[in-house]
Amino acid sequence: MLVLLILPHKIDIPNTGHLLLQQNGFQSNFVGSFQDLRTAGEFLDVTLACDDETIEAHKVVISACSPFFRHVLAKAKQAHPFIYLKGILHQDLLALLDYMYNGETKVPAEDVNRFIEAAQELKIKGLVPDEVNEPENKPNSTQSYVLIQQIR
């Protein structure tokens, strides 16, 4: 395998065969891009509502993290759908979105059970058992887990 580093000057590249071009840190750059878009409020294309509050998000992010959202959004015909989440508290939805965008979130200890119930209702990957998110016939499903640690 030929490893090619992109340098600021011209280099000799073989003109036969195929070259594999890989981005160093692709996953962190990709995730970081969605975090940046969320922070900047750019390209938000779905509104989630609960507790008389609304939060905007990216359909692709919430769909990738939740079969519930994927199913609902696949059926939505609007360019910018509005989804009301009855029974979900605003603070839990904010924490769930932090989890979906960042892979982690902070939840007060006394609210963890309610937060997990909301995650189960919305089928958030990584916060509910895999069998809730994955069809039974899907081979090679990987187990996910949540690390819970106390923050002082």
Protein backbone atom coordinates (compact mmCIF):
# COMPACT_ATOMS: atom_id res chain seq x y z
CA MET A 1 0.00 0.00 0.00
CA LEU A 2 1.25 3.43 -0.92
CA VAL A 3 0.76 6.08 1.75
CA LEU A 4 0.47 9.53 0.26
CA LEU A 5 0.81 12.62 2.38
CA ILE A 6 -0.54 15.82 0.88
CA LEU A 7 2.22 18.39 1.09
CA PRO A 8 2.17 22.04 0.06
CA HIS A 9 4.40 21.36 -2.94
CA LYS A 10 4.13 19.15 -6.01
CA ILE A 11 5.14 15.50 -5.58
CA ASP A 12 5.63 12.65 -8.00
CA ILE A 13 2.61 10.34 -8.07
CA PRO A 14 2.62 6.98 -9.84
CA ASN A 15 0.39 7.07 -12.93
CA THR A 16 -0.71 3.44 -12.78
CA GLY A 17 -3.04 1.57 -10.47
CA HIS A 18 -5.28 3.18 -7.87
CA LEU A 19 -4.44 5.43 -4.96
CA LEU A 20 -6.31 5.50 -1.67
CA LEU A 21 -6.83 9.04 -0.45
CA GLN A 22 -7.78 9.20 3.22
CA GLN A 23 -8.58 12.19 5.38
CA ASN A 24 -6.78 12.12 8.69
CA GLY A 25 -9.35 12.50 11.46
CA PHE A 26 -12.34 12.10 9.15
CA GLN A 27 -14.78 11.01 11.87
CA SER A 28 -13.88 13.80 14.27
CA ASN A 29 -13.95 16.37 11.43
CA PHE A 30 -17.35 15.08 10.27
CA VAL A 31 -18.88 15.14 13.74
CA GLY A 32 -17.24 18.47 14.47
CA SER A 33 -18.81 19.95 11.34
CA PHE A 34 -22.33 19.10 12.56
CA GLN A 35 -21.50 20.52 15.99
CA ASP A 36 -20.28 23.74 14.34
CA LEU A 37 -23.41 23.96 12.16
CA ARG A 38 -25.61 23.52 15.23
CA THR A 39 -23.74 26.15 17.20
CA ALA A 40 -23.89 28.60 14.29
CA GLY A 41 -27.58 27.85 13.70
CA GLU A 42 -26.92 27.03 10.06
CA PHE A 43 -28.82 24.60 7.81
CA LEU A 44 -31.22 23.63 10.61
CA ASP A 45 -34.08 21.87 8.84
CA VAL A 46 -36.43 20.44 11.48
CA THR A 47 -38.18 21.99 14.46
CA LEU A 48 -38.78 19.87 17.56
CA ALA A 49 -41.37 21.13 20.04
CA CYS A 50 -42.18 20.24 23.64
CA ASP A 51 -43.24 22.10 26.80
CA ASP A 52 -44.20 25.21 24.78
CA GLU A 53 -40.58 25.45 23.60
CA THR A 54 -39.03 24.75 20.20
CA ILE A 55 -35.57 23.58 19.23
CA GLU A 56 -34.15 23.38 15.73
CA ALA A 57 -31.93 20.53 14.60
CA HIS A 58 -30.58 18.77 11.52
CA LYS A 59 -32.76 15.98 10.11
CA VAL A 60 -29.74 13.93 9.08
CA VAL A 61 -28.26 14.00 12.60
CA ILE A 62 -31.41 13.08 14.52
CA SER A 63 -32.35 10.46 11.90
CA ALA A 64 -28.94 8.83 12.17
CA CYS A 65 -29.30 8.67 15.96
CA SER A 66 -32.90 7.52 16.21
CA PRO A 67 -35.02 5.09 14.20
CA PHE A 68 -38.06 6.97 15.57
CA PHE A 69 -36.95 10.24 13.97
CA ARG A 70 -35.81 8.45 10.82
CA HIS A 71 -39.25 6.86 10.38
CA VAL A 72 -41.15 10.10 11.07
CA LEU A 73 -38.90 12.24 8.84
CA ALA A 74 -38.93 9.72 5.99
CA LYS A 75 -42.71 10.20 5.83
CA ALA A 76 -42.65 14.00 6.21
CA LYS A 77 -43.19 15.84 2.94
CA GLN A 78 -42.30 19.31 4.25
CA ALA A 79 -38.86 20.80 3.65
CA HIS A 80 -38.75 21.94 7.31
CA PRO A 81 -41.03 19.67 9.36
CA PHE A 82 -42.38 20.56 12.80
CA ILE A 83 -42.53 17.64 15.26
CA TYR A 84 -44.33 17.94 18.59
CA LEU A 85 -42.98 15.54 21.23
CA LYS A 86 -45.74 15.09 23.80
CA GLY A 87 -44.52 14.14 27.26
CA ILE A 88 -40.87 15.04 26.63
CA LEU A 89 -39.50 17.87 28.78
CA HIS A 90 -37.54 20.66 27.15
CA GLN A 91 -34.47 20.09 29.34
CA ASP A 92 -34.47 16.38 28.42
CA LEU A 93 -34.77 17.16 24.72
CA LEU A 94 -31.85 19.59 24.96
CA ALA A 95 -29.77 16.92 26.73
CA LEU A 96 -30.76 14.31 24.12
CA LEU A 97 -29.70 16.63 21.32
CA ASP A 98 -26.39 17.27 23.08
CA TYR A 99 -25.95 13.50 23.26
CA MET A 100 -26.78 13.06 19.56
CA TYR A 101 -24.42 15.82 18.42
CA ASN A 102 -21.58 15.30 20.92
CA GLY A 103 -21.83 11.67 22.02
CA GLU A 104 -22.23 12.81 25.62
CA THR A 105 -24.40 14.97 27.82
CA LYS A 106 -24.76 16.07 31.44
CA VAL A 107 -27.97 15.22 33.27
CA PRO A 108 -28.72 15.93 36.94
CA ALA A 109 -28.65 12.65 38.88
CA GLU A 110 -32.25 13.08 40.03
CA ASP A 111 -33.38 13.39 36.38
CA VAL A 112 -31.54 10.39 34.88
CA ASN A 113 -34.50 8.00 35.02
CA ARG A 114 -36.80 10.47 33.29
CA PHE A 115 -34.06 11.25 30.72
CA ILE A 116 -33.61 7.54 29.93
CA GLU A 117 -37.40 7.15 29.57
CA ALA A 118 -37.37 9.99 27.02
CA ALA A 119 -34.45 8.32 25.22
CA GLN A 120 -36.40 5.06 25.14
CA GLU A 121 -39.50 6.81 23.79
CA LEU A 122 -37.43 8.37 20.98
CA LYS A 123 -35.27 5.23 20.52
CA ILE A 124 -31.98 7.11 20.82
CA LYS A 125 -29.11 4.84 19.78
CA GLY A 126 -26.60 4.20 22.54
CA LEU A 127 -29.11 5.01 25.29
CA VAL A 128 -31.51 2.12 24.73
CA PRO A 129 -30.84 -1.59 24.20
CA ASP A 130 -29.78 -2.43 20.63
CA GLU A 131 -32.77 -4.74 20.11
CA VAL A 132 -35.05 -1.69 20.39
CA ASN A 133 -33.18 0.05 17.57
CA GLU A 134 -32.17 -2.84 15.34
CA PRO A 135 -34.33 -5.32 13.47
CA GLU A 136 -33.91 -8.84 14.83
CA ASN A 137 -32.65 -10.19 11.52
CA LYS A 138 -29.83 -7.66 11.13
CA PRO A 139 -26.53 -9.58 11.28
CA ASN A 140 -23.35 -8.41 13.00
CA SER A 141 -25.03 -5.82 15.20
CA THR A 142 -22.49 -4.26 17.55
CA GLN A 143 -23.33 -3.70 21.18
CA SER A 144 -23.27 -0.12 22.39
CA TYR A 145 -23.04 1.05 25.95
CA VAL A 146 -23.30 4.19 28.00
CA LEU A 147 -20.64 5.17 30.49
CA ILE A 148 -22.16 7.02 33.42
CA GLN A 149 -19.81 8.90 35.69
CA GLN A 150 -20.49 11.31 38.49
CA ILE A 151 -19.32 14.88 37.93
CA ARG A 152 -18.56 17.04 40.91
